[in-house]
Amino acid sequence: MAEEFSADRREAANVARDLKAIRAALDGGNAGALDARTGSEKVDEAVRRFFAESSDNRERMNALLERAAGLLDALVEGTGTLDGSLADSLTTGTGGT
């Protein structure tokens, strides 16, 4: 049954890194929308209004991405610690008793 509970630590770390990159890219777009300059005041205002009205969804998405990345980081760290502890406790000594 133990084989049912496996995790690829490298892949989990890669996904966590990717989620952090997505989060950074989404957060990095804040200034551009607020500073819209399309050449049309109506379009600029529409972009700013859309951006302001969608802030709740962006904040929620930011929080979810942060949480998912944190959970994956904890998985990687926890499984590494557990693997190390198990390996240490199962190592046989060379001395005779």
C-alpha atoms as a PDB file:
ATOM      1  CA  MET A   1       0.000   0.000   0.000  1.00  0.00           C
ATOM      2  CA  ALA A   2       2.924   2.342   0.603  1.00  0.00           C
ATOM      3  CA  GLU A   3       3.582   2.557  -3.152  1.00  0.00           C
ATOM      4  CA  GLU A   4       0.230   4.354  -3.515  1.00  0.00           C
ATOM      5  CA  PHE A   5       1.659   7.342  -1.627  1.00  0.00           C
ATOM      6  CA  SER A   6       4.502   8.552  -3.764  1.00  0.00           C
ATOM      7  CA  ALA A   7       5.501  11.996  -4.953  1.00  0.00           C
ATOM      8  CA  ASP A   8       8.027  13.222  -7.465  1.00  0.00           C
ATOM      9  CA  ARG A   9       9.790  15.859  -5.392  1.00  0.00           C
ATOM     10  CA  ARG A  10      11.536  17.365  -8.415  1.00  0.00           C
ATOM     11  CA  GLU A  11       8.265  17.758 -10.274  1.00  0.00           C
ATOM     12  CA  ALA A  12       6.577  19.282  -7.214  1.00  0.00           C
ATOM     13  CA  ALA A  13       9.437  21.783  -6.928  1.00  0.00           C
ATOM     14  CA  ASN A  14       9.101  22.604 -10.656  1.00  0.00           C
ATOM     15  CA  VAL A  15       5.358  23.196 -10.350  1.00  0.00           C
ATOM     16  CA  ALA A  16       5.876  25.398  -7.272  1.00  0.00           C
ATOM     17  CA  ARG A  17       8.465  27.433  -9.206  1.00  0.00           C
ATOM     18  CA  ASP A  18       6.085  27.767 -12.160  1.00  0.00           C
ATOM     19  CA  LEU A  19       3.228  28.915  -9.900  1.00  0.00           C
ATOM     20  CA  LYS A  20       5.493  31.546  -8.359  1.00  0.00           C
ATOM     21  CA  ALA A  21       6.469  32.748 -11.844  1.00  0.00           C
ATOM     22  CA  ILE A  22       2.808  33.004 -12.861  1.00  0.00           C
ATOM     23  CA  ARG A  23       2.049  34.919  -9.675  1.00  0.00           C
ATOM     24  CA  ALA A  24       4.928  37.319 -10.317  1.00  0.00           C
ATOM     25  CA  ALA A  25       3.825  37.846 -13.927  1.00  0.00           C
ATOM     26  CA  LEU A  26       0.253  38.588 -12.884  1.00  0.00           C
ATOM     27  CA  ASP A  27       1.386  40.973 -10.181  1.00  0.00           C
ATOM     28  CA  GLY A  28       3.811  42.629 -12.571  1.00  0.00           C
ATOM     29  CA  GLY A  29       0.984  43.743 -14.855  1.00  0.00           C
ATOM     30  CA  ASN A  30      -0.552  46.096 -12.289  1.00  0.00           C
ATOM     31  CA  ALA A  31       1.151  49.315 -13.344  1.00  0.00           C
ATOM     32  CA  GLY A  32       0.549  48.873 -17.069  1.00  0.00           C
ATOM     33  CA  ALA A  33      -3.226  48.733 -16.811  1.00  0.00           C
ATOM     34  CA  LEU A  34      -3.412  51.675 -14.453  1.00  0.00           C
ATOM     35  CA  ASP A  35      -1.228  53.690 -16.805  1.00  0.00           C
ATOM     36  CA  ALA A  36      -3.119  52.857 -20.014  1.00  0.00           C
ATOM     37  CA  ARG A  37      -2.262  55.085 -22.983  1.00  0.00           C
ATOM     38  CA  THR A  38      -4.035  53.867 -26.085  1.00  0.00           C
ATOM     39  CA  GLY A  39      -4.572  57.257 -27.682  1.00  0.00           C
ATOM     40  CA  SER A  40      -8.262  57.231 -26.826  1.00  0.00           C
ATOM     41  CA  GLU A  41      -9.400  58.625 -23.504  1.00  0.00           C
ATOM     42  CA  LYS A  42     -12.546  56.455 -23.641  1.00  0.00           C
ATOM     43  CA  VAL A  43     -10.516  53.278 -24.169  1.00  0.00           C
ATOM     44  CA  ASP A  44      -8.003  54.285 -21.503  1.00  0.00           C
ATOM     45  CA  GLU A  45     -10.815  54.884 -19.015  1.00  0.00           C
ATOM     46  CA  ALA A  46     -12.471  51.566 -19.931  1.00  0.00           C
ATOM     47  CA  VAL A  47      -9.183  49.706 -19.338  1.00  0.00           C
ATOM     48  CA  ARG A  48      -8.667  51.442 -15.972  1.00  0.00           C
ATOM     49  CA  ARG A  49     -12.283  50.736 -14.938  1.00  0.00           C
ATOM     50  CA  PHE A  50     -12.041  47.077 -15.965  1.00  0.00           C
ATOM     51  CA  PHE A  51      -8.761  46.735 -14.094  1.00  0.00           C
ATOM     52  CA  ALA A  52     -10.188  48.342 -10.940  1.00  0.00           C
ATOM     53  CA  GLU A  53     -13.356  46.252 -11.008  1.00  0.00           C
ATOM     54  CA  SER A  54     -11.482  42.981 -11.468  1.00  0.00           C
ATOM     55  CA  SER A  55      -9.163  43.532  -8.489  1.00  0.00           C
ATOM     56  CA  ASP A  56     -11.093  41.120  -6.248  1.00  0.00           C
ATOM     57  CA  ASN A  57     -10.524  38.264  -8.687  1.00  0.00           C
ATOM     58  CA  ARG A  58      -6.846  39.145  -9.108  1.00  0.00           C
ATOM     59  CA  GLU A  59      -6.373  39.241  -5.336  1.00  0.00           C
ATOM     60  CA  ARG A  60      -8.120  35.886  -4.961  1.00  0.00           C
ATOM     61  CA  MET A  61      -6.021  34.361  -7.751  1.00  0.00           C
ATOM     62  CA  ASN A  62      -2.864  35.772  -6.178  1.00  0.00           C
ATOM     63  CA  ALA A  63      -3.766  34.210  -2.817  1.00  0.00           C
ATOM     64  CA  LEU A  64      -4.575  30.842  -4.404  1.00  0.00           C
ATOM     65  CA  LEU A  65      -1.320  30.779  -6.365  1.00  0.00           C
ATOM     66  CA  GLU A  66       0.646  31.700  -3.247  1.00  0.00           C
ATOM     67  CA  ARG A  67      -1.082  28.982  -1.223  1.00  0.00           C
ATOM     68  CA  ALA A  68      -0.589  26.285  -3.865  1.00  0.00           C
ATOM     69  CA  ALA A  69       3.098  27.132  -4.240  1.00  0.00           C
ATOM     70  CA  GLY A  70       3.505  27.106  -0.459  1.00  0.00           C
ATOM     71  CA  LEU A  71       1.845  23.707  -0.150  1.00  0.00           C
ATOM     72  CA  LEU A  72       4.098  22.265  -2.830  1.00  0.00           C
ATOM     73  CA  ASP A  73       7.187  23.782  -1.184  1.00  0.00           C
ATOM     74  CA  ALA A  74       6.113  22.191   2.106  1.00  0.00           C
ATOM     75  CA  LEU A  75       5.582  18.851   0.356  1.00  0.00           C
ATOM     76  CA  VAL A  76       9.075  18.965  -1.098  1.00  0.00           C
ATOM     77  CA  GLU A  77      10.656  19.965   2.208  1.00  0.00           C
ATOM     78  CA  GLY A  78       8.603  17.544   4.296  1.00  0.00           C
ATOM     79  CA  THR A  79       9.201  14.526   2.085  1.00  0.00           C
ATOM     80  CA  GLY A  80      12.907  15.320   1.961  1.00  0.00           C
ATOM     81  CA  THR A  81      13.067  15.480   5.748  1.00  0.00           C
ATOM     82  CA  LEU A  82      11.015  12.309   6.105  1.00  0.00           C
ATOM     83  CA  ASP A  83      13.149  10.436   3.557  1.00  0.00           C
ATOM     84  CA  GLY A  84      16.305  11.527   5.362  1.00  0.00           C
ATOM     85  CA  SER A  85      14.958  10.512   8.757  1.00  0.00           C
ATOM     86  CA  LEU A  86      13.824   7.133   7.483  1.00  0.00           C
ATOM     87  CA  ALA A  87      17.162   6.522   5.797  1.00  0.00           C
ATOM     88  CA  ASP A  88      19.005   7.441   9.000  1.00  0.00           C
ATOM     89  CA  SER A  89      16.851   5.167  11.155  1.00  0.00           C
ATOM     90  CA  LEU A  90      17.103   2.214   8.753  1.00  0.00           C
ATOM     91  CA  THR A  91      20.859   2.402   8.259  1.00  0.00           C
ATOM     92  CA  THR A  92      22.602  -0.603   9.711  1.00  0.00           C
ATOM     93  CA  GLY A  93      25.737  -0.159  11.716  1.00  0.00           C
ATOM     94  CA  THR A  94      28.965  -1.942  10.879  1.00  0.00           C
ATOM     95  CA  GLY A  95      29.781  -2.698  14.504  1.00  0.00           C
ATOM     96  CA  GLY A  96      28.866  -6.109  15.927  1.00  0.00           C
ATOM     97  CA  THR A  97      26.547  -6.608  18.882  1.00  0.00           C
END
